[in-house]
Amino acid sequence: MVVLWTQPIETALGYIRAAFRAAVEAGDLGIACFSCNHAVTDLLTRGDPLDEVWRESERAMDFVRKAKFRDVVDIVVAQQRFIDDMRGRTAHFSTFSDAQFDEGRSRPS
């Protein structure tokens, strides 16, 4: 994860994808799930087109939901809400809310 701060983003993406593959092979779903959300973060940081980042977030969401890793599901939901906000698909720029998502109801108490 620190590579993102010290080397080109492409290098960080290569490591995070390798970490995902190794974690899946080893059966370490926690590391695999965290690798999913870090890949989305790296793509956002690199400035990839939001439609491509969205597709990566959908793959991440599919994996982490199947793994039943709630913490990372919540992280990916936040990433997807951010992506939709950046694409102008939320009620207004300062909220993640839209017709399908209520930001106020999603906050932990």
PDB file of N, CA and C in Angstrom:
ATOM      1  N   MET A   1       0.819  -1.203   0.000  1.00  0.00           N
ATOM      2  CA  MET A   1       0.000   0.000   0.000  1.00  0.00           C
ATOM      3  C   MET A   1       0.858   1.261   0.000  1.00  0.00           C
ATOM      4  N   VAL A   2       2.030   1.205   0.603  1.00  0.00           N
ATOM      5  CA  VAL A   2       2.903   2.364   0.675  1.00  0.00           C
ATOM      6  C   VAL A   2       3.524   2.677  -0.685  1.00  0.00           C
ATOM      7  N   VAL A   3       3.614   1.686  -1.544  1.00  0.00           N
ATOM      8  CA  VAL A   3       4.200   1.885  -2.871  1.00  0.00           C
ATOM      9  C   VAL A   3       3.487   3.023  -3.598  1.00  0.00           C
ATOM     10  N   LEU A   4       2.190   3.169  -3.365  1.00  0.00           N
ATOM     11  CA  LEU A   4       1.417   4.233  -4.011  1.00  0.00           C
ATOM     12  C   LEU A   4       2.013   5.602  -3.723  1.00  0.00           C
ATOM     13  N   TRP A   5       2.651   5.761  -2.581  1.00  0.00           N
ATOM     14  CA  TRP A   5       3.220   7.060  -2.190  1.00  0.00           C
ATOM     15  C   TRP A   5       4.676   7.216  -2.613  1.00  0.00           C
ATOM     16  N   THR A   6       5.316   6.117  -3.012  1.00  0.00           N
ATOM     17  CA  THR A   6       6.752   6.185  -3.258  1.00  0.00           C
ATOM     18  C   THR A   6       7.171   5.846  -4.689  1.00  0.00           C
ATOM     19  N   GLN A   7       6.259   5.246  -5.458  1.00  0.00           N
ATOM     20  CA  GLN A   7       6.596   4.823  -6.811  1.00  0.00           C
ATOM     21  C   GLN A   7       5.435   5.156  -7.744  1.00  0.00           C
ATOM     22  N   PRO A   8       5.633   4.998  -9.042  1.00  0.00           N
ATOM     23  CA  PRO A   8       4.537   5.274  -9.973  1.00  0.00           C
ATOM     24  C   PRO A   8       3.294   4.447  -9.640  1.00  0.00           C
ATOM     25  N   ILE A   9       2.140   5.017  -9.906  1.00  0.00           N
ATOM     26  CA  ILE A   9       0.880   4.351  -9.584  1.00  0.00           C
ATOM     27  C   ILE A   9       0.780   3.011 -10.314  1.00  0.00           C
ATOM     28  N   GLU A  10       1.292   2.936 -11.518  1.00  0.00           N
ATOM     29  CA  GLU A  10       1.258   1.670 -12.259  1.00  0.00           C
ATOM     30  C   GLU A  10       1.967   0.570 -11.474  1.00  0.00           C
ATOM     31  N   THR A  11       3.066   0.908 -10.822  1.00  0.00           N
ATOM     32  CA  THR A  11       3.781  -0.069  -9.991  1.00  0.00           C
ATOM     33  C   THR A  11       2.899  -0.504  -8.826  1.00  0.00           C
ATOM     34  N   ALA A  12       2.249   0.442  -8.191  1.00  0.00           N
ATOM     35  CA  ALA A  12       1.352   0.125  -7.069  1.00  0.00           C
ATOM     36  C   ALA A  12       0.221  -0.790  -7.534  1.00  0.00           C
ATOM     37  N   LEU A  13      -0.356  -0.489  -8.693  1.00  0.00           N
ATOM     38  CA  LEU A  13      -1.432  -1.337  -9.221  1.00  0.00           C
ATOM     39  C   LEU A  13      -0.934  -2.759  -9.483  1.00  0.00           C
ATOM     40  N   GLY A  14       0.259  -2.869 -10.014  1.00  0.00           N
ATOM     41  CA  GLY A  14       0.825  -4.205 -10.258  1.00  0.00           C
ATOM     42  C   GLY A  14       0.962  -4.990  -8.966  1.00  0.00           C
ATOM     43  N   TYR A  15       1.450  -4.340  -7.925  1.00  0.00           N
ATOM     44  CA  TYR A  15       1.603  -5.014  -6.636  1.00  0.00           C
ATOM     45  C   TYR A  15       0.251  -5.375  -6.021  1.00  0.00           C
ATOM     46  N   ILE A  16      -0.715  -4.481  -6.114  1.00  0.00           N
ATOM     47  CA  ILE A  16      -2.005  -4.757  -5.478  1.00  0.00           C
ATOM     48  C   ILE A  16      -2.721  -5.878  -6.226  1.00  0.00           C
ATOM     49  N   ARG A  17      -2.567  -5.933  -7.532  1.00  0.00           N
ATOM     50  CA  ARG A  17      -3.176  -7.034  -8.303  1.00  0.00           C
ATOM     51  C   ARG A  17      -2.477  -8.360  -7.992  1.00  0.00           C
ATOM     52  N   ALA A  18      -1.159  -8.312  -7.828  1.00  0.00           N
ATOM     53  CA  ALA A  18      -0.419  -9.517  -7.443  1.00  0.00           C
ATOM     54  C   ALA A  18      -0.820  -9.964  -6.038  1.00  0.00           C
ATOM     55  N   ALA A  19      -1.016  -9.009  -5.141  1.00  0.00           N
ATOM     56  CA  ALA A  19      -1.455  -9.341  -3.779  1.00  0.00           C
ATOM     57  C   ALA A  19      -2.822 -10.011  -3.808  1.00  0.00           C
ATOM     58  N   PHE A  20      -3.722  -9.498  -4.663  1.00  0.00           N
ATOM     59  CA  PHE A  20      -5.044 -10.107  -4.793  1.00  0.00           C
ATOM     60  C   PHE A  20      -4.925 -11.560  -5.243  1.00  0.00           C
ATOM     61  N   ARG A  21      -4.173 -11.779  -6.311  1.00  0.00           N
ATOM     62  CA  ARG A  21      -4.025 -13.141  -6.828  1.00  0.00           C
ATOM     63  C   ARG A  21      -3.419 -14.079  -5.786  1.00  0.00           C
ATOM     64  N   ALA A  22      -2.368 -13.622  -5.111  1.00  0.00           N
ATOM     65  CA  ALA A  22      -1.713 -14.453  -4.095  1.00  0.00           C
ATOM     66  C   ALA A  22      -2.663 -14.739  -2.932  1.00  0.00           C
ATOM     67  N   ALA A  23      -3.434 -13.737  -2.530  1.00  0.00           N
ATOM     68  CA  ALA A  23      -4.377 -13.927  -1.419  1.00  0.00           C
ATOM     69  C   ALA A  23      -5.472 -14.921  -1.795  1.00  0.00           C
ATOM     70  N   VAL A  24      -5.984 -14.818  -3.011  1.00  0.00           N
ATOM     71  CA  VAL A  24      -7.012 -15.770  -3.457  1.00  0.00           C
ATOM     72  C   VAL A  24      -6.430 -17.183  -3.471  1.00  0.00           C
ATOM     73  N   GLU A  25      -5.228 -17.327  -4.020  1.00  0.00           N
ATOM     74  CA  GLU A  25      -4.588 -18.650  -4.074  1.00  0.00           C
ATOM     75  C   GLU A  25      -4.345 -19.217  -2.678  1.00  0.00           C
ATOM     76  N   ALA A  26      -4.013 -18.355  -1.717  1.00  0.00           N
ATOM     77  CA  ALA A  26      -3.742 -18.796  -0.350  1.00  0.00           C
ATOM     78  C   ALA A  26      -5.009 -18.923   0.487  1.00  0.00           C
ATOM     79  N   GLY A  27      -6.131 -18.472  -0.054  1.00  0.00           N
ATOM     80  CA  GLY A  27      -7.378 -18.532   0.701  1.00  0.00           C
ATOM     81  C   GLY A  27      -7.521 -17.432   1.739  1.00  0.00           C
ATOM     82  N   ASP A  28      -6.759 -16.359   1.609  1.00  0.00           N
ATOM     83  CA  ASP A  28      -6.823 -15.238   2.549  1.00  0.00           C
ATOM     84  C   ASP A  28      -7.808 -14.197   2.010  1.00  0.00           C
ATOM     85  N   LEU A  29      -9.091 -14.398   2.304  1.00  0.00           N
ATOM     86  CA  LEU A  29     -10.121 -13.516   1.762  1.00  0.00           C
ATOM     87  C   LEU A  29     -10.004 -12.090   2.273  1.00  0.00           C
ATOM     88  N   GLY A  30      -9.519 -11.900   3.481  1.00  0.00           N
ATOM     89  CA  GLY A  30      -9.360 -10.545   4.013  1.00  0.00           C
ATOM     90  C   GLY A  30      -8.416  -9.710   3.162  1.00  0.00           C
ATOM     91  N   ILE A  31      -7.242 -10.238   2.907  1.00  0.00           N
ATOM     92  CA  ILE A  31      -6.268  -9.520   2.078  1.00  0.00           C
ATOM     93  C   ILE A  31      -6.794  -9.368   0.659  1.00  0.00           C
ATOM     94  N   ALA A  32      -7.442 -10.385   0.130  1.00  0.00           N
ATOM     95  CA  ALA A  32      -8.008 -10.295  -1.221  1.00  0.00           C
ATOM     96  C   ALA A  32      -9.032  -9.164  -1.290  1.00  0.00           C
ATOM     97  N   CYS A  33      -9.899  -9.076  -0.287  1.00  0.00           N
ATOM     98  CA  CYS A  33     -10.927  -8.033  -0.282  1.00  0.00           C
ATOM     99  C   CYS A  33     -10.314  -6.642  -0.153  1.00  0.00           C
ATOM    100  N   PHE A  34      -9.368  -6.494   0.756  1.00  0.00           N
ATOM    101  CA  PHE A  34      -8.739  -5.180   0.890  1.00  0.00           C
ATOM    102  C   PHE A  34      -7.977  -4.805  -0.377  1.00  0.00           C
ATOM    103  N   SER A  35      -7.445  -5.775  -1.072  1.00  0.00           N
ATOM    104  CA  SER A  35      -6.769  -5.493  -2.347  1.00  0.00           C
ATOM    105  C   SER A  35      -7.756  -4.933  -3.365  1.00  0.00           C
ATOM    106  N   CYS A  36      -8.993  -5.410  -3.323  1.00  0.00           N
ATOM    107  CA  CYS A  36     -10.014  -4.920  -4.264  1.00  0.00           C
ATOM    108  C   CYS A  36     -10.241  -3.419  -4.100  1.00  0.00           C
ATOM    109  N   ASN A  37     -10.458  -2.982  -2.867  1.00  0.00           N
ATOM    110  CA  ASN A  37     -10.741  -1.557  -2.693  1.00  0.00           C
ATOM    111  C   ASN A  37      -9.497  -0.712  -2.940  1.00  0.00           C
ATOM    112  N   HIS A  38      -8.319  -1.255  -2.679  1.00  0.00           N
ATOM    113  CA  HIS A  38      -7.099  -0.493  -2.953  1.00  0.00           C
ATOM    114  C   HIS A  38      -6.877  -0.338  -4.455  1.00  0.00           C
ATOM    115  N   ALA A  39      -7.272  -1.327  -5.246  1.00  0.00           N
ATOM    116  CA  ALA A  39      -7.158  -1.191  -6.703  1.00  0.00           C
ATOM    117  C   ALA A  39      -8.034  -0.038  -7.188  1.00  0.00           C
ATOM    118  N   VAL A  40      -9.250   0.074  -6.643  1.00  0.00           N
ATOM    119  CA  VAL A  40     -10.141   1.176  -7.032  1.00  0.00           C
ATOM    120  C   VAL A  40      -9.509   2.512  -6.633  1.00  0.00           C
ATOM    121  N   THR A  41      -8.966   2.585  -5.443  1.00  0.00           N
ATOM    122  CA  THR A  41      -8.305   3.813  -4.986  1.00  0.00           C
ATOM    123  C   THR A  41      -7.156   4.191  -5.909  1.00  0.00           C
ATOM    124  N   ASP A  42      -6.355   3.210  -6.297  1.00  0.00           N
ATOM    125  CA  ASP A  42      -5.219   3.488  -7.175  1.00  0.00           C
ATOM    126  C   ASP A  42      -5.680   4.023  -8.529  1.00  0.00           C
ATOM    127  N   LEU A  43      -6.742   3.441  -9.072  1.00  0.00           N
ATOM    128  CA  LEU A  43      -7.260   3.913 -10.356  1.00  0.00           C
ATOM    129  C   LEU A  43      -7.791   5.336 -10.249  1.00  0.00           C
ATOM    130  N   LEU A  44      -8.475   5.628  -9.157  1.00  0.00           N
ATOM    131  CA  LEU A  44      -8.950   7.000  -8.933  1.00  0.00           C
ATOM    132  C   LEU A  44      -7.770   7.960  -8.817  1.00  0.00           C
ATOM    133  N   THR A  45      -6.766   7.556  -8.080  1.00  0.00           N
ATOM    134  CA  THR A  45      -5.590   8.402  -7.873  1.00  0.00           C
ATOM    135  C   THR A  45      -4.866   8.656  -9.194  1.00  0.00           C
ATOM    136  N   ARG A  46      -4.818   7.641 -10.040  1.00  0.00           N
ATOM    137  CA  ARG A  46      -4.153   7.779 -11.333  1.00  0.00           C
ATOM    138  C   ARG A  46      -4.964   8.652 -12.298  1.00  0.00           C
ATOM    139  N   GLY A  47      -6.244   8.848 -12.002  1.00  0.00           N
ATOM    140  CA  GLY A  47      -7.082   9.679 -12.861  1.00  0.00           C
ATOM    141  C   GLY A  47      -7.682   8.939 -14.036  1.00  0.00           C
ATOM    142  N   ASP A  48      -7.859   7.634 -13.878  1.00  0.00           N
ATOM    143  CA  ASP A  48      -8.471   6.854 -14.953  1.00  0.00           C
ATOM    144  C   ASP A  48      -9.896   7.339 -15.219  1.00  0.00           C
ATOM    145  N   PRO A  49     -10.398   7.100 -16.431  1.00  0.00           N
ATOM    146  CA  PRO A  49     -11.780   7.485 -16.734  1.00  0.00           C
ATOM    147  C   PRO A  49     -12.746   6.842 -15.727  1.00  0.00           C
ATOM    148  N   LEU A  50     -13.696   7.631 -15.269  1.00  0.00           N
ATOM    149  CA  LEU A  50     -14.588   7.172 -14.205  1.00  0.00           C
ATOM    150  C   LEU A  50     -15.417   5.956 -14.605  1.00  0.00           C
ATOM    151  N   ASP A  51     -15.760   5.825 -15.870  1.00  0.00           N
ATOM    152  CA  ASP A  51     -16.499   4.633 -16.294  1.00  0.00           C
ATOM    153  C   ASP A  51     -15.652   3.370 -16.101  1.00  0.00           C
ATOM    154  N   GLU A  52     -14.354   3.466 -16.372  1.00  0.00           N
ATOM    155  CA  GLU A  52     -13.459   2.323 -16.161  1.00  0.00           C
ATOM    156  C   GLU A  52     -13.288   2.027 -14.671  1.00  0.00           C
ATOM    157  N   VAL A  53     -13.168   3.083 -13.867  1.00  0.00           N
ATOM    158  CA  VAL A  53     -13.030   2.892 -12.423  1.00  0.00           C
ATOM    159  C   VAL A  53     -14.312   2.271 -11.874  1.00  0.00           C
ATOM    160  N   TRP A  54     -15.461   2.715 -12.397  1.00  0.00           N
ATOM    161  CA  TRP A  54     -16.735   2.144 -11.961  1.00  0.00           C
ATOM    162  C   TRP A  54     -16.776   0.631 -12.231  1.00  0.00           C
ATOM    163  N   ARG A  55     -16.336   0.229 -13.420  1.00  0.00           N
ATOM    164  CA  ARG A  55     -16.331  -1.204 -13.741  1.00  0.00           C
ATOM    165  C   ARG A  55     -15.434  -1.976 -12.774  1.00  0.00           C
ATOM    166  N   GLU A  56     -14.296  -1.400 -12.436  1.00  0.00           N
ATOM    167  CA  GLU A  56     -13.412  -2.044 -11.451  1.00  0.00           C
ATOM    168  C   GLU A  56     -14.111  -2.125 -10.095  1.00  0.00           C
ATOM    169  N   SER A  57     -14.831  -1.075  -9.721  1.00  0.00           N
ATOM    170  CA  SER A  57     -15.540  -1.097  -8.433  1.00  0.00           C
ATOM    171  C   SER A  57     -16.653  -2.142  -8.434  1.00  0.00           C
ATOM    172  N   GLU A  58     -17.283  -2.367  -9.583  1.00  0.00           N
ATOM    173  CA  GLU A  58     -18.308  -3.414  -9.673  1.00  0.00           C
ATOM    174  C   GLU A  58     -17.690  -4.803  -9.494  1.00  0.00           C
ATOM    175  N   ARG A  59     -16.524  -5.021 -10.103  1.00  0.00           N
ATOM    176  CA  ARG A  59     -15.830  -6.302  -9.909  1.00  0.00           C
ATOM    177  C   ARG A  59     -15.441  -6.468  -8.444  1.00  0.00           C
ATOM    178  N   ALA A  60     -14.958  -5.385  -7.848  1.00  0.00           N
ATOM    179  CA  ALA A  60     -14.593  -5.429  -6.434  1.00  0.00           C
ATOM    180  C   ALA A  60     -15.813  -5.749  -5.576  1.00  0.00           C
ATOM    181  N   MET A  61     -16.916  -5.073  -5.853  1.00  0.00           N
ATOM    182  CA  MET A  61     -18.126  -5.293  -5.067  1.00  0.00           C
ATOM    183  C   MET A  61     -18.613  -6.729  -5.192  1.00  0.00           C
ATOM    184  N   ASP A  62     -18.580  -7.252  -6.392  1.00  0.00           N
ATOM    185  CA  ASP A  62     -19.004  -8.637  -6.598  1.00  0.00           C
ATOM    186  C   ASP A  62     -18.164  -9.579  -5.736  1.00  0.00           C
ATOM    187  N   PHE A  63     -16.853  -9.380  -5.752  1.00  0.00           N
ATOM    188  CA  PHE A  63     -15.967 -10.256  -4.982  1.00  0.00           C
ATOM    189  C   PHE A  63     -16.193 -10.111  -3.482  1.00  0.00           C
ATOM    190  N   VAL A  64     -16.219  -8.885  -2.978  1.00  0.00           N
ATOM    191  CA  VAL A  64     -16.312  -8.703  -1.520  1.00  0.00           C
ATOM    192  C   VAL A  64     -17.682  -9.100  -0.981  1.00  0.00           C
ATOM    193  N   ARG A  65     -18.728  -8.946  -1.788  1.00  0.00           N
ATOM    194  CA  ARG A  65     -20.051  -9.426  -1.347  1.00  0.00           C
ATOM    195  C   ARG A  65     -20.074 -10.949  -1.270  1.00  0.00           C
ATOM    196  N   LYS A  66     -19.506 -11.601  -2.265  1.00  0.00           N
ATOM    197  CA  LYS A  66     -19.454 -13.071  -2.237  1.00  0.00           C
ATOM    198  C   LYS A  66     -18.622 -13.557  -1.056  1.00  0.00           C
ATOM    199  N   ALA A  67     -17.579 -12.801  -0.715  1.00  0.00           N
ATOM    200  CA  ALA A  67     -16.732 -13.155   0.422  1.00  0.00           C
ATOM    201  C   ALA A  67     -17.384 -12.786   1.757  1.00  0.00           C
ATOM    202  N   LYS A  68     -18.469 -12.013   1.705  1.00  0.00           N
ATOM    203  CA  LYS A  68     -19.196 -11.562   2.895  1.00  0.00           C
ATOM    204  C   LYS A  68     -18.300 -10.768   3.837  1.00  0.00           C
ATOM    205  N   PHE A  69     -17.484  -9.887   3.234  1.00  0.00           N
ATOM    206  CA  PHE A  69     -16.559  -9.048   4.012  1.00  0.00           C
ATOM    207  C   PHE A  69     -17.162  -7.658   4.116  1.00  0.00           C
ATOM    208  N   ARG A  70     -18.015  -7.464   5.123  1.00  0.00           N
ATOM    209  CA  ARG A  70     -18.838  -6.262   5.260  1.00  0.00           C
ATOM    210  C   ARG A  70     -18.020  -4.967   5.310  1.00  0.00           C
ATOM    211  N   ASP A  71     -16.888  -4.972   6.001  1.00  0.00           N
ATOM    212  CA  ASP A  71     -16.091  -3.739   6.101  1.00  0.00           C
ATOM    213  C   ASP A  71     -15.682  -3.231   4.722  1.00  0.00           C
ATOM    214  N   VAL A  72     -15.248  -4.131   3.852  1.00  0.00           N
ATOM    215  CA  VAL A  72     -14.810  -3.709   2.529  1.00  0.00           C
ATOM    216  C   VAL A  72     -16.014  -3.415   1.636  1.00  0.00           C
ATOM    217  N   VAL A  73     -17.134  -4.102   1.848  1.00  0.00           N
ATOM    218  CA  VAL A  73     -18.362  -3.737   1.124  1.00  0.00           C
ATOM    219  C   VAL A  73     -18.662  -2.271   1.379  1.00  0.00           C
ATOM    220  N   ASP A  74     -18.586  -1.848   2.642  1.00  0.00           N
ATOM    221  CA  ASP A  74     -18.864  -0.449   2.982  1.00  0.00           C
ATOM    222  C   ASP A  74     -17.871   0.506   2.316  1.00  0.00           C
ATOM    223  N   ILE A  75     -16.616   0.117   2.250  1.00  0.00           N
ATOM    224  CA  ILE A  75     -15.599   0.955   1.607  1.00  0.00           C
ATOM    225  C   ILE A  75     -15.908   1.099   0.109  1.00  0.00           C
ATOM    226  N   VAL A  76     -16.230  -0.019  -0.531  1.00  0.00           N
ATOM    227  CA  VAL A  76     -16.508   0.025  -1.972  1.00  0.00           C
ATOM    228  C   VAL A  76     -17.791   0.811  -2.244  1.00  0.00           C
ATOM    229  N   VAL A  77     -18.785   0.688  -1.382  1.00  0.00           N
ATOM    230  CA  VAL A  77     -19.997   1.508  -1.540  1.00  0.00           C
ATOM    231  C   VAL A  77     -19.615   2.984  -1.513  1.00  0.00           C
ATOM    232  N   ALA A  78     -18.778   3.380  -0.560  1.00  0.00           N
ATOM    233  CA  ALA A  78     -18.349   4.786  -0.479  1.00  0.00           C
ATOM    234  C   ALA A  78     -17.590   5.186  -1.746  1.00  0.00           C
ATOM    235  N   GLN A  79     -16.739   4.298  -2.254  1.00  0.00           N
ATOM    236  CA  GLN A  79     -16.022   4.601  -3.487  1.00  0.00           C
ATOM    237  C   GLN A  79     -16.993   4.765  -4.656  1.00  0.00           C
ATOM    238  N   GLN A  80     -17.985   3.899  -4.725  1.00  0.00           N
ATOM    239  CA  GLN A  80     -18.960   4.012  -5.814  1.00  0.00           C
ATOM    240  C   GLN A  80     -19.784   5.287  -5.699  1.00  0.00           C
ATOM    241  N   ARG A  81     -20.123   5.672  -4.494  1.00  0.00           N
ATOM    242  CA  ARG A  81     -20.872   6.913  -4.303  1.00  0.00           C
ATOM    243  C   ARG A  81     -20.011   8.099  -4.740  1.00  0.00           C
ATOM    244  N   PHE A  82     -18.717   8.069  -4.409  1.00  0.00           N
ATOM    245  CA  PHE A  82     -17.799   9.125  -4.825  1.00  0.00           C
ATOM    246  C   PHE A  82     -17.718   9.190  -6.353  1.00  0.00           C
ATOM    247  N   ILE A  83     -17.598   8.020  -6.987  1.00  0.00           N
ATOM    248  CA  ILE A  83     -17.526   7.976  -8.449  1.00  0.00           C
ATOM    249  C   ILE A  83     -18.793   8.567  -9.051  1.00  0.00           C
ATOM    250  N   ASP A  84     -19.943   8.169  -8.522  1.00  0.00           N
ATOM    251  CA  ASP A  84     -21.202   8.734  -9.039  1.00  0.00           C
ATOM    252  C   ASP A  84     -21.276  10.238  -8.807  1.00  0.00           C
ATOM    253  N   ASP A  85     -20.786  10.692  -7.675  1.00  0.00           N
ATOM    254  CA  ASP A  85     -20.765  12.138  -7.406  1.00  0.00           C
ATOM    255  C   ASP A  85     -19.897  12.853  -8.428  1.00  0.00           C
ATOM    256  N   MET A  86     -18.727  12.292  -8.720  1.00  0.00           N
ATOM    257  CA  MET A  86     -17.829  12.901  -9.697  1.00  0.00           C
ATOM    258  C   MET A  86     -18.410  12.865 -11.109  1.00  0.00           C
ATOM    259  N   ARG A  87     -19.275  11.905 -11.377  1.00  0.00           N
ATOM    260  CA  ARG A  87     -19.926  11.816 -12.684  1.00  0.00           C
ATOM    261  C   ARG A  87     -21.206  12.654 -12.742  1.00  0.00           C
ATOM    262  N   GLY A  88     -21.520  13.353 -11.657  1.00  0.00           N
ATOM    263  CA  GLY A  88     -22.705  14.210 -11.640  1.00  0.00           C
ATOM    264  C   GLY A  88     -24.004  13.452 -11.508  1.00  0.00           C
ATOM    265  N   ARG A  89     -23.961  12.283 -10.917  1.00  0.00           N
ATOM    266  CA  ARG A  89     -25.153  11.446 -10.831  1.00  0.00           C
ATOM    267  C   ARG A  89     -25.797  11.441  -9.447  1.00  0.00           C
ATOM    268  N   THR A  90     -25.369  12.327  -8.576  1.00  0.00           N
ATOM    269  CA  THR A  90     -25.999  12.436  -7.262  1.00  0.00           C
ATOM    270  C   THR A  90     -26.894  13.674  -7.249  1.00  0.00           C
ATOM    271  N   ALA A  91     -27.658  13.814  -6.171  1.00  0.00           N
ATOM    272  CA  ALA A  91     -28.627  14.915  -6.082  1.00  0.00           C
ATOM    273  C   ALA A  91     -27.946  16.268  -6.270  1.00  0.00           C
ATOM    274  N   HIS A  92     -26.789  16.450  -5.669  1.00  0.00           N
ATOM    275  CA  HIS A  92     -25.943  17.616  -5.880  1.00  0.00           C
ATOM    276  C   HIS A  92     -24.537  17.279  -5.437  1.00  0.00           C
ATOM    277  N   PHE A  93     -23.595  18.118  -5.763  1.00  0.00           N
ATOM    278  CA  PHE A  93     -22.171  17.813  -5.613  1.00  0.00           C
ATOM    279  C   PHE A  93     -21.747  17.500  -4.181  1.00  0.00           C
ATOM    280  N   SER A  94     -22.398  18.054  -3.191  1.00  0.00           N
ATOM    281  CA  SER A  94     -21.938  17.870  -1.813  1.00  0.00           C
ATOM    282  C   SER A  94     -22.614  16.702  -1.096  1.00  0.00           C
ATOM    283  N   THR A  95     -23.238  15.803  -1.839  1.00  0.00           N
ATOM    284  CA  THR A  95     -23.877  14.649  -1.220  1.00  0.00           C
ATOM    285  C   THR A  95     -23.676  13.408  -2.070  1.00  0.00           C
ATOM    286  N   PHE A  96     -23.747  12.258  -1.439  1.00  0.00           N
ATOM    287  CA  PHE A  96     -23.711  10.999  -2.168  1.00  0.00           C
ATOM    288  C   PHE A  96     -25.124  10.505  -2.470  1.00  0.00           C
ATOM    289  N   SER A  97     -26.138  11.210  -1.985  1.00  0.00           N
ATOM    290  CA  SER A  97     -27.525  10.772  -2.149  1.00  0.00           C
ATOM    291  C   SER A  97     -28.000  10.904  -3.592  1.00  0.00           C
ATOM    292  N   ASP A  98     -28.829   9.937  -3.975  1.00  0.00           N
ATOM    293  CA  ASP A  98     -29.538   9.992  -5.247  1.00  0.00           C
ATOM    294  C   ASP A  98     -30.821   9.185  -5.068  1.00  0.00           C
ATOM    295  N   ALA A  99     -31.478   8.823  -6.152  1.00  0.00           N
ATOM    296  CA  ALA A  99     -32.757   8.114  -6.060  1.00  0.00           C
ATOM    297  C   ALA A  99     -32.624   6.737  -5.392  1.00  0.00           C
ATOM    298  N   GLN A 100     -31.460   6.093  -5.506  1.00  0.00           N
ATOM    299  CA  GLN A 100     -31.277   4.760  -4.931  1.00  0.00           C
ATOM    300  C   GLN A 100     -30.517   4.740  -3.607  1.00  0.00           C
ATOM    301  N   PHE A 101     -29.937   5.848  -3.200  1.00  0.00           N
ATOM    302  CA  PHE A 101     -29.059   5.858  -2.024  1.00  0.00           C
ATOM    303  C   PHE A 101     -29.336   7.085  -1.181  1.00  0.00           C
ATOM    304  N   ASP A 102     -29.547   6.883   0.114  1.00  0.00           N
ATOM    305  CA  ASP A 102     -29.777   7.977   1.052  1.00  0.00           C
ATOM    306  C   ASP A 102     -28.578   8.071   1.992  1.00  0.00           C
ATOM    307  N   GLU A 103     -27.762   9.061   1.776  1.00  0.00           N
ATOM    308  CA  GLU A 103     -26.544   9.217   2.576  1.00  0.00           C
ATOM    309  C   GLU A 103     -26.846   9.309   4.063  1.00  0.00           C
ATOM    310  N   GLY A 104     -27.885  10.024   4.434  1.00  0.00           N
ATOM    311  CA  GLY A 104     -28.234  10.191   5.843  1.00  0.00           C
ATOM    312  C   GLY A 104     -28.591   8.900   6.542  1.00  0.00           C
ATOM    313  N   ARG A 105     -29.208   7.978   5.814  1.00  0.00           N
ATOM    314  CA  ARG A 105     -29.599   6.696   6.407  1.00  0.00           C
ATOM    315  C   ARG A 105     -28.459   5.700   6.444  1.00  0.00           C
ATOM    316  N   SER A 106     -27.386   5.948   5.720  1.00  0.00           N
ATOM    317  CA  SER A 106     -26.296   4.991   5.649  1.00  0.00           C
ATOM    318  C   SER A 106     -25.222   5.209   6.707  1.00  0.00           C
ATOM    319  N   ARG A 107     -25.294   6.300   7.414  1.00  0.00           N
ATOM    320  CA  ARG A 107     -24.273   6.611   8.419  1.00  0.00           C
ATOM    321  C   ARG A 107     -24.488   5.763   9.671  1.00  0.00           C
ATOM    322  N   PRO A 108     -23.403   5.259  10.232  1.00  0.00           N
ATOM    323  CA  PRO A 108     -23.537   4.490  11.473  1.00  0.00           C
ATOM    324  C   PRO A 108     -23.936   5.415  12.626  1.00  0.00           C
ATOM    325  N   SER A 109     -24.662   4.864  13.572  1.00  0.00           N
ATOM    326  CA  SER A 109     -25.083   5.689  14.713  1.00  0.00           C
ATOM    327  C   SER A 109     -24.044   5.741  15.796  1.00  0.00           C
TER     328      SER A 109
END
